[in-house]
């Protein structure tokens, strides 16, 4: 019994000492070692009114980008000569119509006039919207030697390239912070439809078969289906 006590006491001391040492999870988790940060920033576009051809192209690309990653309303500020500048109001209305023609909803456009500017700036319009960007980690650190370590820790660059690629390829960086809400669609039904489509089978439900009607009208050289 006395011999047993001699071994138990040092063993307990070693166990307590091991538990007292904190473990850095970044040594084992690449998401912590090479984190991807998401920041909110603003996209801006300056155009002239009426729209020149080049500005119209830039406006189209700007609107498409807003539809893809906009995180708030699209602000439209038109520089006016004063509060009651009819030409500036008309320009703001036409720009709003141009944006709506490119898919931006009217409720998402916040238009206003700005007249506290230089007289030469009259007719200029500034469009802006908030969006998120992902900051990718920088890889290529070789400060520690690539040899065996008894702690089974990862090397400095382990997993960095994967994290960097995720940050650069994310269509919407907000997805890296939290998942989007579920759509409410039935996953089993979607999987069943996809399986039938791959096999060349009918994908419509039995009660839907035969419920579709197609008519064709022809006007001149143009054929359309309804």
C-alpha atoms as a PDB file:
ATOM      1  CA  UNK A   1       0.000   0.000   0.000  1.00  0.00           C
ATOM      2  CA  UNK A   2       2.857   2.323   0.833  1.00  0.00           C
ATOM      3  CA  UNK A   3       4.488   1.610  -2.547  1.00  0.00           C
ATOM      4  CA  UNK A   4       1.224   2.401  -4.348  1.00  0.00           C
ATOM      5  CA  UNK A   5       1.011   5.786  -2.661  1.00  0.00           C
ATOM      6  CA  UNK A   6       4.508   6.637  -3.799  1.00  0.00           C
ATOM      7  CA  UNK A   7       3.461   6.229  -7.422  1.00  0.00           C
ATOM      8  CA  UNK A   8       0.035   7.859  -7.158  1.00  0.00           C
ATOM      9  CA  UNK A   9       1.232  11.167  -5.775  1.00  0.00           C
ATOM     10  CA  UNK A  10       3.665  11.990  -8.620  1.00  0.00           C
ATOM     11  CA  UNK A  11       1.098  10.827 -11.191  1.00  0.00           C
ATOM     12  CA  UNK A  12      -1.523  13.192  -9.813  1.00  0.00           C
ATOM     13  CA  UNK A  13       0.963  16.044  -9.874  1.00  0.00           C
ATOM     14  CA  UNK A  14       1.774  15.391 -13.535  1.00  0.00           C
ATOM     15  CA  UNK A  15      -1.925  15.288 -14.446  1.00  0.00           C
ATOM     16  CA  UNK A  16      -2.613  18.633 -12.800  1.00  0.00           C
ATOM     17  CA  UNK A  17       0.409  20.203 -14.470  1.00  0.00           C
ATOM     18  CA  UNK A  18      -0.744  19.023 -17.887  1.00  0.00           C
ATOM     19  CA  UNK A  19      -4.264  20.409 -17.386  1.00  0.00           C
ATOM     20  CA  UNK A  20      -2.884  23.772 -16.281  1.00  0.00           C
ATOM     21  CA  UNK A  21      -1.144  24.377 -19.626  1.00  0.00           C
ATOM     22  CA  UNK A  22      -3.472  26.174 -22.111  1.00  0.00           C
ATOM     23  CA  UNK A  23      -3.784  24.760 -25.619  1.00  0.00           C
ATOM     24  CA  UNK A  24      -3.725  27.128 -28.600  1.00  0.00           C
ATOM     25  CA  UNK A  25      -6.390  25.761 -30.952  1.00  0.00           C
ATOM     26  CA  UNK A  26      -4.870  27.733 -33.818  1.00  0.00           C
ATOM     27  CA  UNK A  27      -2.073  25.148 -33.824  1.00  0.00           C
ATOM     28  CA  UNK A  28      -4.594  22.556 -34.976  1.00  0.00           C
ATOM     29  CA  UNK A  29      -7.527  24.430 -36.574  1.00  0.00           C
ATOM     30  CA  UNK A  30      -6.660  26.110 -39.891  1.00  0.00           C
ATOM     31  CA  UNK A  31      -9.741  28.351 -39.657  1.00  0.00           C
ATOM     32  CA  UNK A  32      -8.250  29.934 -36.561  1.00  0.00           C
ATOM     33  CA  UNK A  33      -4.679  29.940 -37.823  1.00  0.00           C
ATOM     34  CA  UNK A  34      -5.660  31.623 -41.114  1.00  0.00           C
ATOM     35  CA  UNK A  35      -8.958  33.407 -40.472  1.00  0.00           C
ATOM     36  CA  UNK A  36     -11.051  35.059 -43.178  1.00  0.00           C
ATOM     37  CA  UNK A  37     -12.483  38.402 -42.072  1.00  0.00           C
ATOM     38  CA  UNK A  38     -15.561  40.022 -43.594  1.00  0.00           C
ATOM     39  CA  UNK A  39     -15.899  43.797 -43.747  1.00  0.00           C
ATOM     40  CA  UNK A  40     -18.689  46.127 -44.801  1.00  0.00           C
ATOM     41  CA  UNK A  41     -17.654  48.746 -47.352  1.00  0.00           C
ATOM     42  CA  UNK A  42     -19.199  50.927 -50.064  1.00  0.00           C
ATOM     43  CA  UNK A  43     -19.197  50.752 -53.850  1.00  0.00           C
ATOM     44  CA  UNK A  44     -19.367  54.084 -55.690  1.00  0.00           C
ATOM     45  CA  UNK A  45     -19.936  55.173 -59.270  1.00  0.00           C
ATOM     46  CA  UNK A  46     -19.805  58.706 -60.679  1.00  0.00           C
ATOM     47  CA  UNK A  47     -21.618  59.423 -63.964  1.00  0.00           C
ATOM     48  CA  UNK A  48     -22.722  62.428 -65.960  1.00  0.00           C
ATOM     49  CA  UNK A  49     -26.280  63.255 -66.961  1.00  0.00           C
ATOM     50  CA  UNK A  50     -27.554  62.745 -69.548  1.00  0.00           C
ATOM     51  CA  UNK A  51     -25.694  59.454 -69.717  1.00  0.00           C
ATOM     52  CA  UNK A  52     -22.860  59.207 -72.262  1.00  0.00           C
ATOM     53  CA  UNK A  53     -22.386  55.806 -73.916  1.00  0.00           C
ATOM     54  CA  UNK A  54     -19.458  54.832 -71.685  1.00  0.00           C
ATOM     55  CA  UNK A  55     -21.323  55.855 -68.521  1.00  0.00           C
ATOM     56  CA  UNK A  56     -24.357  53.840 -69.625  1.00  0.00           C
ATOM     57  CA  UNK A  57     -22.178  50.735 -69.850  1.00  0.00           C
ATOM     58  CA  UNK A  58     -20.664  51.412 -66.464  1.00  0.00           C
ATOM     59  CA  UNK A  59     -24.138  51.932 -65.024  1.00  0.00           C
ATOM     60  CA  UNK A  60     -25.241  48.535 -66.370  1.00  0.00           C
ATOM     61  CA  UNK A  61     -22.257  46.798 -64.750  1.00  0.00           C
ATOM     62  CA  UNK A  62     -22.848  48.723 -61.512  1.00  0.00           C
ATOM     63  CA  UNK A  63     -26.523  47.702 -61.385  1.00  0.00           C
ATOM     64  CA  UNK A  64     -25.668  44.048 -62.087  1.00  0.00           C
ATOM     65  CA  UNK A  65     -23.098  44.096 -59.318  1.00  0.00           C
ATOM     66  CA  UNK A  66     -25.634  45.636 -56.949  1.00  0.00           C
ATOM     67  CA  UNK A  67     -28.150  42.888 -57.676  1.00  0.00           C
ATOM     68  CA  UNK A  68     -25.469  40.297 -56.942  1.00  0.00           C
ATOM     69  CA  UNK A  69     -23.981  41.613 -53.704  1.00  0.00           C
ATOM     70  CA  UNK A  70     -25.825  44.742 -52.552  1.00  0.00           C
ATOM     71  CA  UNK A  71     -26.360  44.824 -48.790  1.00  0.00           C
ATOM     72  CA  UNK A  72     -28.610  47.863 -48.560  1.00  0.00           C
ATOM     73  CA  UNK A  73     -30.391  50.537 -50.594  1.00  0.00           C
ATOM     74  CA  UNK A  74     -28.809  52.033 -53.698  1.00  0.00           C
ATOM     75  CA  UNK A  75     -28.207  55.730 -53.033  1.00  0.00           C
ATOM     76  CA  UNK A  76     -28.573  58.085 -55.994  1.00  0.00           C
ATOM     77  CA  UNK A  77     -27.328  61.644 -55.426  1.00  0.00           C
ATOM     78  CA  UNK A  78     -27.609  64.153 -58.280  1.00  0.00           C
ATOM     79  CA  UNK A  79     -25.753  67.477 -58.040  1.00  0.00           C
ATOM     80  CA  UNK A  80     -28.211  70.339 -58.540  1.00  0.00           C
ATOM     81  CA  UNK A  81     -27.971  74.096 -58.842  1.00  0.00           C
ATOM     82  CA  UNK A  82     -30.441  74.433 -55.984  1.00  0.00           C
ATOM     83  CA  UNK A  83     -33.291  72.782 -54.144  1.00  0.00           C
ATOM     84  CA  UNK A  84     -35.748  73.539 -56.958  1.00  0.00           C
ATOM     85  CA  UNK A  85     -33.560  72.591 -59.901  1.00  0.00           C
ATOM     86  CA  UNK A  86     -36.022  70.992 -62.383  1.00  0.00           C
ATOM     87  CA  UNK A  87     -33.240  69.690 -64.633  1.00  0.00           C
ATOM     88  CA  UNK A  88     -31.574  67.855 -61.745  1.00  0.00           C
ATOM     89  CA  UNK A  89     -34.892  66.366 -60.650  1.00  0.00           C
ATOM     90  CA  UNK A  90     -35.507  65.166 -64.188  1.00  0.00           C
ATOM     91  CA  UNK A  91     -32.011  63.660 -64.309  1.00  0.00           C
ATOM     92  CA  UNK A  92     -32.588  61.857 -61.008  1.00  0.00           C
ATOM     93  CA  UNK A  93     -35.882  60.441 -62.270  1.00  0.00           C
ATOM     94  CA  UNK A  94     -34.335  59.268 -65.533  1.00  0.00           C
ATOM     95  CA  UNK A  95     -31.416  57.630 -63.739  1.00  0.00           C
ATOM     96  CA  UNK A  96     -33.835  55.843 -61.435  1.00  0.00           C
ATOM     97  CA  UNK A  97     -35.716  54.583 -64.493  1.00  0.00           C
ATOM     98  CA  UNK A  98     -32.433  53.398 -66.016  1.00  0.00           C
ATOM     99  CA  UNK A  99     -31.677  51.438 -62.847  1.00  0.00           C
ATOM    100  CA  UNK A 100     -35.154  49.899 -62.768  1.00  0.00           C
ATOM    101  CA  UNK A 101     -34.782  48.900 -66.409  1.00  0.00           C
ATOM    102  CA  UNK A 102     -31.682  46.978 -65.333  1.00  0.00           C
ATOM    103  CA  UNK A 103     -33.497  45.041 -62.630  1.00  0.00           C
ATOM    104  CA  UNK A 104     -33.202  47.269 -59.556  1.00  0.00           C
ATOM    105  CA  UNK A 105     -36.520  47.607 -57.733  1.00  0.00           C
ATOM    106  CA  UNK A 106     -37.948  51.059 -57.092  1.00  0.00           C
ATOM    107  CA  UNK A 107     -38.064  50.405 -53.334  1.00  0.00           C
ATOM    108  CA  UNK A 108     -34.293  49.826 -53.346  1.00  0.00           C
ATOM    109  CA  UNK A 109     -33.464  53.232 -54.891  1.00  0.00           C
ATOM    110  CA  UNK A 110     -33.003  56.232 -52.590  1.00  0.00           C
ATOM    111  CA  UNK A 111     -32.696  59.326 -54.769  1.00  0.00           C
ATOM    112  CA  UNK A 112     -31.847  62.835 -53.549  1.00  0.00           C
ATOM    113  CA  UNK A 113     -30.496  66.155 -54.787  1.00  0.00           C
ATOM    114  CA  UNK A 114     -27.239  67.695 -53.582  1.00  0.00           C
ATOM    115  CA  UNK A 115     -26.680  71.412 -54.227  1.00  0.00           C
ATOM    116  CA  UNK A 116     -23.869  72.195 -51.798  1.00  0.00           C
ATOM    117  CA  UNK A 117     -21.225  71.644 -54.498  1.00  0.00           C
ATOM    118  CA  UNK A 118     -19.204  73.508 -57.077  1.00  0.00           C
ATOM    119  CA  UNK A 119     -21.231  75.016 -59.941  1.00  0.00           C
ATOM    120  CA  UNK A 120     -19.228  72.975 -62.460  1.00  0.00           C
ATOM    121  CA  UNK A 121     -20.417  69.750 -60.849  1.00  0.00           C
ATOM    122  CA  UNK A 122     -24.055  70.342 -61.805  1.00  0.00           C
ATOM    123  CA  UNK A 123     -25.411  67.335 -63.666  1.00  0.00           C
ATOM    124  CA  UNK A 124     -23.026  64.895 -62.035  1.00  0.00           C
ATOM    125  CA  UNK A 125     -24.557  61.906 -60.234  1.00  0.00           C
ATOM    126  CA  UNK A 126     -23.006  59.710 -57.562  1.00  0.00           C
ATOM    127  CA  UNK A 127     -24.385  56.200 -57.019  1.00  0.00           C
ATOM    128  CA  UNK A 128     -23.382  54.099 -54.036  1.00  0.00           C
ATOM    129  CA  UNK A 129     -24.439  51.034 -52.087  1.00  0.00           C
ATOM    130  CA  UNK A 130     -23.037  49.040 -49.156  1.00  0.00           C
ATOM    131  CA  UNK A 131     -21.610  45.588 -49.691  1.00  0.00           C
ATOM    132  CA  UNK A 132     -19.321  43.112 -47.964  1.00  0.00           C
ATOM    133  CA  UNK A 133     -15.819  42.050 -48.903  1.00  0.00           C
ATOM    134  CA  UNK A 134     -13.789  39.136 -47.615  1.00  0.00           C
ATOM    135  CA  UNK A 135     -10.187  39.738 -46.606  1.00  0.00           C
ATOM    136  CA  UNK A 136      -8.063  36.723 -47.497  1.00  0.00           C
ATOM    137  CA  UNK A 137      -5.119  35.662 -45.349  1.00  0.00           C
ATOM    138  CA  UNK A 138      -1.608  36.125 -46.687  1.00  0.00           C
ATOM    139  CA  UNK A 139       0.240  32.846 -47.175  1.00  0.00           C
ATOM    140  CA  UNK A 140       3.922  32.032 -47.563  1.00  0.00           C
ATOM    141  CA  UNK A 141       5.301  32.154 -44.029  1.00  0.00           C
ATOM    142  CA  UNK A 142       8.312  29.862 -43.564  1.00  0.00           C
ATOM    143  CA  UNK A 143       9.539  31.103 -40.211  1.00  0.00           C
ATOM    144  CA  UNK A 144       9.437  27.657 -38.580  1.00  0.00           C
ATOM    145  CA  UNK A 145      11.344  24.641 -39.936  1.00  0.00           C
ATOM    146  CA  UNK A 146       9.394  21.913 -41.724  1.00  0.00           C
ATOM    147  CA  UNK A 147      10.616  19.059 -39.581  1.00  0.00           C
ATOM    148  CA  UNK A 148       9.025  16.634 -37.178  1.00  0.00           C
ATOM    149  CA  UNK A 149       7.494  18.029 -33.974  1.00  0.00           C
ATOM    150  CA  UNK A 150       6.382  15.995 -31.026  1.00  0.00           C
ATOM    151  CA  UNK A 151       3.286  18.172 -30.522  1.00  0.00           C
ATOM    152  CA  UNK A 152       1.809  17.068 -33.864  1.00  0.00           C
ATOM    153  CA  UNK A 153       1.204  20.722 -34.779  1.00  0.00           C
ATOM    154  CA  UNK A 154       0.511  21.926 -38.292  1.00  0.00           C
ATOM    155  CA  UNK A 155       3.083  23.860 -40.251  1.00  0.00           C
ATOM    156  CA  UNK A 156       2.680  27.618 -40.613  1.00  0.00           C
ATOM    157  CA  UNK A 157       1.152  27.430 -44.100  1.00  0.00           C
ATOM    158  CA  UNK A 158      -1.014  24.371 -43.574  1.00  0.00           C
ATOM    159  CA  UNK A 159      -4.554  25.192 -44.744  1.00  0.00           C
ATOM    160  CA  UNK A 160      -3.729  28.801 -45.659  1.00  0.00           C
ATOM    161  CA  UNK A 161      -4.227  28.297 -49.408  1.00  0.00           C
ATOM    162  CA  UNK A 162      -7.645  26.705 -48.811  1.00  0.00           C
ATOM    163  CA  UNK A 163      -8.778  29.587 -46.614  1.00  0.00           C
ATOM    164  CA  UNK A 164      -7.482  32.122 -49.120  1.00  0.00           C
ATOM    165  CA  UNK A 165      -9.291  30.449 -52.019  1.00  0.00           C
ATOM    166  CA  UNK A 166     -12.554  30.404 -50.055  1.00  0.00           C
ATOM    167  CA  UNK A 167     -12.262  34.142 -49.384  1.00  0.00           C
ATOM    168  CA  UNK A 168     -11.489  34.946 -53.024  1.00  0.00           C
ATOM    169  CA  UNK A 169     -14.213  32.737 -54.509  1.00  0.00           C
ATOM    170  CA  UNK A 170     -17.122  33.566 -52.186  1.00  0.00           C
ATOM    171  CA  UNK A 171     -19.905  35.127 -54.267  1.00  0.00           C
ATOM    172  CA  UNK A 172     -21.357  36.777 -51.174  1.00  0.00           C
ATOM    173  CA  UNK A 173     -18.872  37.157 -48.280  1.00  0.00           C
ATOM    174  CA  UNK A 174     -21.795  37.348 -45.848  1.00  0.00           C
ATOM    175  CA  UNK A 175     -22.181  33.594 -46.321  1.00  0.00           C
ATOM    176  CA  UNK A 176     -18.835  33.174 -44.538  1.00  0.00           C
ATOM    177  CA  UNK A 177     -20.296  34.762 -41.402  1.00  0.00           C
ATOM    178  CA  UNK A 178     -23.677  33.058 -41.223  1.00  0.00           C
ATOM    179  CA  UNK A 179     -25.834  30.776 -43.317  1.00  0.00           C
ATOM    180  CA  UNK A 180     -28.726  32.143 -45.320  1.00  0.00           C
ATOM    181  CA  UNK A 181     -32.249  31.358 -44.137  1.00  0.00           C
ATOM    182  CA  UNK A 182     -33.736  28.184 -45.549  1.00  0.00           C
ATOM    183  CA  UNK A 183     -35.960  28.594 -48.594  1.00  0.00           C
ATOM    184  CA  UNK A 184     -38.715  26.324 -47.283  1.00  0.00           C
ATOM    185  CA  UNK A 185     -38.504  23.977 -50.260  1.00  0.00           C
ATOM    186  CA  UNK A 186     -38.671  20.232 -49.747  1.00  0.00           C
ATOM    187  CA  UNK A 187     -35.187  18.764 -50.116  1.00  0.00           C
ATOM    188  CA  UNK A 188     -36.477  15.233 -50.725  1.00  0.00           C
ATOM    189  CA  UNK A 189     -38.739  16.479 -53.509  1.00  0.00           C
ATOM    190  CA  UNK A 190     -35.830  18.362 -55.116  1.00  0.00           C
ATOM    191  CA  UNK A 191     -33.618  15.266 -54.955  1.00  0.00           C
ATOM    192  CA  UNK A 192     -36.385  13.146 -56.480  1.00  0.00           C
ATOM    193  CA  UNK A 193     -36.865  15.575 -59.384  1.00  0.00           C
ATOM    194  CA  UNK A 194     -33.129  15.716 -60.050  1.00  0.00           C
ATOM    195  CA  UNK A 195     -32.892  11.924 -60.063  1.00  0.00           C
ATOM    196  CA  UNK A 196     -35.773  11.604 -62.529  1.00  0.00           C
ATOM    197  CA  UNK A 197     -34.301  14.314 -64.740  1.00  0.00           C
ATOM    198  CA  UNK A 198     -30.982  12.480 -64.934  1.00  0.00           C
ATOM    199  CA  UNK A 199     -32.807   9.285 -65.945  1.00  0.00           C
ATOM    200  CA  UNK A 200     -34.929  11.054 -68.564  1.00  0.00           C
ATOM    201  CA  UNK A 201     -38.156  10.403 -66.665  1.00  0.00           C
ATOM    202  CA  UNK A 202     -41.143  12.707 -66.187  1.00  0.00           C
ATOM    203  CA  UNK A 203     -40.382  15.153 -63.395  1.00  0.00           C
ATOM    204  CA  UNK A 204     -43.916  16.517 -62.903  1.00  0.00           C
ATOM    205  CA  UNK A 205     -46.114  15.145 -60.135  1.00  0.00           C
ATOM    206  CA  UNK A 206     -48.907  12.770 -61.308  1.00  0.00           C
ATOM    207  CA  UNK A 207     -51.601  15.361 -60.678  1.00  0.00           C
ATOM    208  CA  UNK A 208     -49.685  17.894 -62.774  1.00  0.00           C
ATOM    209  CA  UNK A 209     -49.328  15.687 -65.866  1.00  0.00           C
ATOM    210  CA  UNK A 210     -51.669  16.890 -68.638  1.00  0.00           C
ATOM    211  CA  UNK A 211     -52.430  20.200 -66.935  1.00  0.00           C
ATOM    212  CA  UNK A 212     -50.233  22.238 -69.260  1.00  0.00           C
ATOM    213  CA  UNK A 213     -51.502  23.724 -72.519  1.00  0.00           C
ATOM    214  CA  UNK A 214     -49.357  25.318 -75.180  1.00  0.00           C
ATOM    215  CA  UNK A 215     -50.527  27.547 -77.970  1.00  0.00           C
ATOM    216  CA  UNK A 216     -48.437  29.093 -80.705  1.00  0.00           C
ATOM    217  CA  UNK A 217     -49.089  32.348 -82.455  1.00  0.00           C
ATOM    218  CA  UNK A 218     -47.176  33.590 -85.476  1.00  0.00           C
ATOM    219  CA  UNK A 219     -46.831  37.186 -86.532  1.00  0.00           C
ATOM    220  CA  UNK A 220     -44.717  37.828 -89.593  1.00  0.00           C
ATOM    221  CA  UNK A 221     -41.454  35.937 -89.111  1.00  0.00           C
ATOM    222  CA  UNK A 222     -41.718  35.795 -85.333  1.00  0.00           C
ATOM    223  CA  UNK A 223     -43.071  32.751 -83.503  1.00  0.00           C
ATOM    224  CA  UNK A 224     -43.926  32.905 -79.807  1.00  0.00           C
ATOM    225  CA  UNK A 225     -45.319  30.392 -77.353  1.00  0.00           C
ATOM    226  CA  UNK A 226     -47.818  31.072 -74.613  1.00  0.00           C
END
